[in-house]
Amino acid sequence: MDIDVLGFVYDLSVWALPVLLAITLHEAAHGYAAWKLGDDTAYRRGRVSFNPLRHIDPFGTILLPAILLIGSGGKFMFGYAKPVPVAFHRLFKPRRDMVWVALAGPGANVVLAFAGAIAFHIVPLVPPVVGAWLAQMLGFMIFFNLLLAVFNMVPLPPLDGGRVAVGLLPDSLAFPLARLERFGFLILVAVLFIVPFVGGQFGFELNIFLWAILPIVDVLHGVVVALAGHG
């Protein structure tokens, strides 16, 4: 077997499980929070579940990340899961509870990152070959969950941070922000791909991940690792 294929299979084994766990727990947490706060839409549709198949979007969760991962030589990956359906008007207090439902997803990812950091204590107890793989997998699990949590808290609908902002801001700011939701995905594509590309052509570093997202992830990573007892 070609060494590149072996390398790809190994890389896949390192990130596949953490990605599936991260998106599954993230989406299930949204559905669970909505269910407990008055809206059982996600529960009735089977989305309050730890079965990743219920949350996977064939294109956004599998095809798009694979294309980006292969195309970038393993340096970049982006994707999404099927959004959990929430009927906000059915929540006990729609505006307040929308904030809690939105926070549940990133909150679940932070908890999962902490669990990965705790599990790191197992690495010295297993055979070295297994330990090397386990360390990489857990390291990616911590990083990816924190990245997912921070990225989703960007205050732009339909990201979770956008819903939190809409729920907390005064009406004069919340309503215009909420109206951006229909354009949210296009704005994300522009910010993540088009703006960095154009900036690079003129010698400017306009990558939001490098100057806005990753520094916050790094800080959270240090906190999580320290709380888990790793120095």
Protein backbone atom coordinates (compact mmCIF):
# COMPACT_ATOMS: atom_id res chain seq x y z
CA MET A 1 0.00 0.00 0.00
CA ASP A 2 1.27 3.48 -0.86
CA ILE A 3 2.68 5.38 2.12
CA ASP A 4 0.48 8.41 1.36
CA VAL A 5 -2.62 6.23 1.60
CA LEU A 6 -1.38 4.80 4.87
CA GLY A 7 -0.75 8.31 6.14
CA PHE A 8 -4.21 9.44 5.14
CA VAL A 9 -5.83 6.43 6.84
CA TYR A 10 -3.84 7.16 9.99
CA ASP A 11 -4.83 10.84 9.93
CA LEU A 12 -8.44 9.82 9.37
CA SER A 13 -8.32 7.53 12.40
CA VAL A 14 -6.98 10.42 14.49
CA TRP A 15 -9.65 13.02 13.64
CA ALA A 16 -12.74 11.00 12.62
CA LEU A 17 -13.87 9.98 16.12
CA PRO A 18 -13.27 13.41 17.73
CA VAL A 19 -15.15 15.15 14.89
CA LEU A 20 -18.12 12.77 15.13
CA LEU A 21 -18.24 13.12 18.92
CA ALA A 22 -17.94 16.90 18.74
CA ILE A 23 -20.74 17.49 16.23
CA THR A 24 -22.99 14.83 17.78
CA LEU A 25 -22.75 16.20 21.31
CA HIS A 26 -23.01 19.78 20.04
CA GLU A 27 -26.25 19.17 18.15
CA ALA A 28 -27.75 16.84 20.75
CA ALA A 29 -27.09 19.48 23.42
CA HIS A 30 -29.05 22.07 21.42
CA GLY A 31 -31.96 19.66 21.11
CA TYR A 32 -31.85 18.64 24.76
CA ALA A 33 -31.79 22.24 25.97
CA ALA A 34 -34.74 23.15 23.73
CA TRP A 35 -36.67 20.08 24.93
CA LYS A 36 -36.17 20.97 28.59
CA LEU A 37 -37.11 24.60 27.92
CA GLY A 38 -40.44 23.82 26.29
CA ASP A 39 -39.87 22.86 22.65
CA ASP A 40 -39.85 19.12 21.90
CA THR A 41 -39.42 19.51 18.11
CA ALA A 42 -35.88 18.14 18.09
CA TYR A 43 -36.82 15.38 20.53
CA ARG A 44 -39.75 14.22 18.37
CA ARG A 45 -37.48 14.15 15.31
CA GLY A 46 -34.87 12.01 17.05
CA ARG A 47 -32.24 14.75 17.28
CA VAL A 48 -31.73 14.45 21.05
CA SER A 49 -29.51 11.48 20.39
CA PHE A 50 -25.88 10.36 20.64
CA ASN A 51 -26.24 8.56 17.32
CA PRO A 52 -24.03 10.59 14.93
CA LEU A 53 -26.03 9.40 11.91
CA ARG A 54 -28.93 11.56 13.08
CA HIS A 55 -26.80 14.70 12.91
CA ILE A 56 -24.56 14.09 9.89
CA ASP A 57 -25.11 16.11 6.74
CA PRO A 58 -23.67 14.07 3.82
CA PHE A 59 -22.14 17.12 2.17
CA GLY A 60 -21.35 19.40 5.11
CA THR A 61 -20.08 16.76 7.53
CA ILE A 62 -18.35 14.30 5.20
CA LEU A 63 -17.72 15.49 1.65
CA LEU A 64 -16.79 19.15 2.26
CA PRO A 65 -14.33 18.50 5.13
CA ALA A 66 -12.71 15.64 3.19
CA ILE A 67 -12.26 17.82 0.08
CA LEU A 68 -10.77 20.67 2.10
CA LEU A 69 -8.56 18.36 4.16
CA ILE A 70 -7.16 16.62 1.09
CA GLY A 71 -6.92 19.81 -0.97
CA SER A 72 -5.01 21.64 1.76
CA GLY A 73 -2.68 18.75 2.51
CA GLY A 74 -4.24 18.25 5.92
CA LYS A 75 -3.88 21.91 6.98
CA PHE A 76 -7.50 23.08 6.79
CA MET A 77 -10.93 21.61 7.44
CA PHE A 78 -14.37 23.15 7.63
CA GLY A 79 -17.81 21.59 7.78
CA TYR A 80 -21.19 21.57 9.44
CA ALA A 81 -23.88 19.22 10.71
CA LYS A 82 -27.62 19.26 10.11
CA PRO A 83 -29.07 22.14 12.15
CA VAL A 84 -31.26 21.04 15.05
CA PRO A 85 -34.85 22.23 14.49
CA VAL A 86 -36.01 24.58 17.24
CA ALA A 87 -39.41 26.28 17.31
CA PHE A 88 -38.36 29.27 19.37
CA HIS A 89 -41.95 30.47 19.89
CA ARG A 90 -42.64 27.24 21.83
CA LEU A 91 -39.93 27.91 24.42
CA PHE A 92 -41.12 29.00 27.85
CA LYS A 93 -39.52 32.43 27.47
CA PRO A 94 -38.45 32.54 23.81
CA ARG A 95 -35.90 35.33 23.90
CA ARG A 96 -34.22 34.26 27.12
CA ASP A 97 -34.37 30.53 26.39
CA MET A 98 -33.02 31.02 22.86
CA VAL A 99 -29.79 32.13 24.51
CA TRP A 100 -29.56 28.98 26.64
CA VAL A 101 -30.34 26.73 23.68
CA ALA A 102 -27.62 28.43 21.65
CA LEU A 103 -25.06 28.22 24.47
CA ALA A 104 -25.74 24.51 25.02
CA GLY A 105 -23.84 23.46 21.87
CA PRO A 106 -20.55 25.31 22.51
CA GLY A 107 -20.86 24.48 26.20
CA ALA A 108 -21.03 20.78 25.35
CA ASN A 109 -17.88 21.13 23.25
CA VAL A 110 -15.98 22.75 26.12
CA VAL A 111 -17.05 19.88 28.40
CA LEU A 112 -15.92 17.34 25.79
CA ALA A 113 -12.56 19.12 25.45
CA PHE A 114 -12.11 18.93 29.23
CA ALA A 115 -13.00 15.22 29.14
CA GLY A 116 -10.31 14.72 26.49
CA ALA A 117 -7.77 16.53 28.66
CA ILE A 118 -8.67 14.32 31.64
CA ALA A 119 -8.37 11.22 29.45
CA PHE A 120 -4.81 12.28 28.58
CA HIS A 121 -3.75 10.86 31.95
CA ILE A 122 -4.31 7.40 30.43
CA VAL A 123 -1.64 7.86 27.73
CA PRO A 124 1.38 6.82 29.88
CA LEU A 125 -0.48 3.69 31.01
CA VAL A 126 -0.86 2.09 27.57
CA PRO A 127 1.77 0.58 25.21
CA PRO A 128 3.90 3.25 23.47
CA VAL A 129 2.52 2.63 19.97
CA VAL A 130 -1.06 2.90 21.18
CA GLY A 131 -0.12 5.81 23.43
CA ALA A 132 1.29 7.82 20.51
CA TRP A 133 -1.94 7.40 18.56
CA LEU A 134 -4.09 8.08 21.63
CA ALA A 135 -2.14 11.25 22.42
CA GLN A 136 -2.68 12.58 18.90
CA MET A 137 -6.37 11.68 18.92
CA LEU A 138 -7.01 13.25 22.32
CA GLY A 139 -4.95 16.31 21.40
CA PHE A 140 -7.06 16.81 18.29
CA MET A 141 -10.21 16.16 20.33
CA ILE A 142 -9.32 18.97 22.73
CA PHE A 143 -8.33 21.39 19.99
CA PHE A 144 -11.25 20.69 17.65
CA ASN A 145 -13.89 20.97 20.37
CA LEU A 146 -12.48 24.29 21.56
CA LEU A 147 -12.24 25.52 17.97
CA LEU A 148 -15.86 24.50 17.35
CA ALA A 149 -16.99 26.23 20.55
CA VAL A 150 -15.15 29.48 19.82
CA PHE A 151 -16.06 29.61 16.14
CA ASN A 152 -19.74 29.01 16.88
CA MET A 153 -19.72 31.92 19.32
CA VAL A 154 -18.93 34.42 16.55
CA PRO A 155 -21.90 36.85 16.82
CA LEU A 156 -23.35 36.20 13.39
CA PRO A 157 -26.62 34.31 12.80
CA PRO A 158 -27.08 31.43 12.19
CA LEU A 159 -24.05 30.67 14.39
CA ASP A 160 -24.79 30.16 18.08
CA GLY A 161 -23.09 33.41 18.98
CA GLY A 162 -25.47 35.23 16.66
CA ARG A 163 -28.48 33.79 18.47
CA VAL A 164 -26.95 34.70 21.83
CA ALA A 165 -26.40 38.26 20.62
CA VAL A 166 -29.96 38.52 19.29
CA GLY A 167 -31.27 37.34 22.64
CA LEU A 168 -29.18 39.76 24.70
CA LEU A 169 -29.02 42.94 22.60
CA PRO A 170 -31.70 45.65 22.71
CA ASP A 171 -34.33 45.47 19.97
CA SER A 172 -32.74 48.29 17.97
CA LEU A 173 -29.65 46.11 17.46
CA ALA A 174 -31.13 42.62 17.79
CA PHE A 175 -33.67 42.91 14.95
CA PRO A 176 -31.19 44.08 12.27
CA LEU A 177 -28.77 41.36 13.37
CA ALA A 178 -31.48 38.70 13.20
CA ARG A 179 -32.30 39.75 9.63
CA LEU A 180 -28.74 38.85 8.62
CA GLU A 181 -29.46 35.16 9.18
CA ARG A 182 -30.57 34.56 5.59
CA PHE A 183 -27.18 35.84 4.43
CA GLY A 184 -25.17 34.29 7.27
CA PHE A 185 -23.71 31.39 5.31
CA LEU A 186 -22.66 33.64 2.44
CA ILE A 187 -21.00 36.05 4.87
CA LEU A 188 -19.12 33.15 6.46
CA VAL A 189 -17.89 31.92 3.08
CA ALA A 190 -16.71 35.44 2.25
CA VAL A 191 -14.94 35.92 5.58
CA LEU A 192 -13.36 32.46 5.68
CA PHE A 193 -12.30 32.10 2.06
CA ILE A 194 -12.73 35.15 -0.15
CA VAL A 195 -11.41 37.88 2.15
CA PRO A 196 -8.21 35.96 3.08
CA PHE A 197 -7.59 35.13 -0.58
CA VAL A 198 -8.04 38.72 -1.75
CA GLY A 199 -5.97 40.03 1.15
CA GLY A 200 -3.19 37.61 0.30
CA GLN A 201 -3.03 38.94 -3.25
CA PHE A 202 -2.22 42.38 -1.83
CA GLY A 203 0.12 41.16 0.90
CA PHE A 204 -2.31 41.49 3.80
CA GLU A 205 -3.04 38.77 6.37
CA LEU A 206 -6.83 38.80 6.68
CA ASN A 207 -7.38 35.27 7.95
CA ILE A 208 -9.95 35.46 10.77
CA PHE A 209 -8.74 32.14 12.15
CA LEU A 210 -5.19 33.41 12.61
CA TRP A 211 -5.87 36.78 14.22
CA ALA A 212 -9.25 36.32 15.93
CA ILE A 213 -10.26 32.69 16.49
CA LEU A 214 -7.02 30.81 17.20
CA PRO A 215 -5.73 33.19 19.94
CA ILE A 216 -8.93 32.61 21.93
CA VAL A 217 -8.69 28.85 21.31
CA ASP A 218 -5.09 28.92 22.58
CA VAL A 219 -6.11 30.68 25.79
CA LEU A 220 -8.96 28.24 26.41
CA HIS A 221 -6.67 25.33 25.61
CA GLY A 222 -4.23 26.45 28.30
CA VAL A 223 -7.05 26.80 30.85
CA VAL A 224 -8.59 23.40 30.05
CA VAL A 225 -5.24 21.60 30.15
CA ALA A 226 -4.31 23.26 33.43
CA LEU A 227 -7.66 22.43 35.05
CA ALA A 228 -7.21 18.82 33.93
CA GLY A 229 -3.98 18.67 35.94
CA HIS A 230 -1.36 18.83 33.20
CA GLY A 231 1.01 21.39 34.69
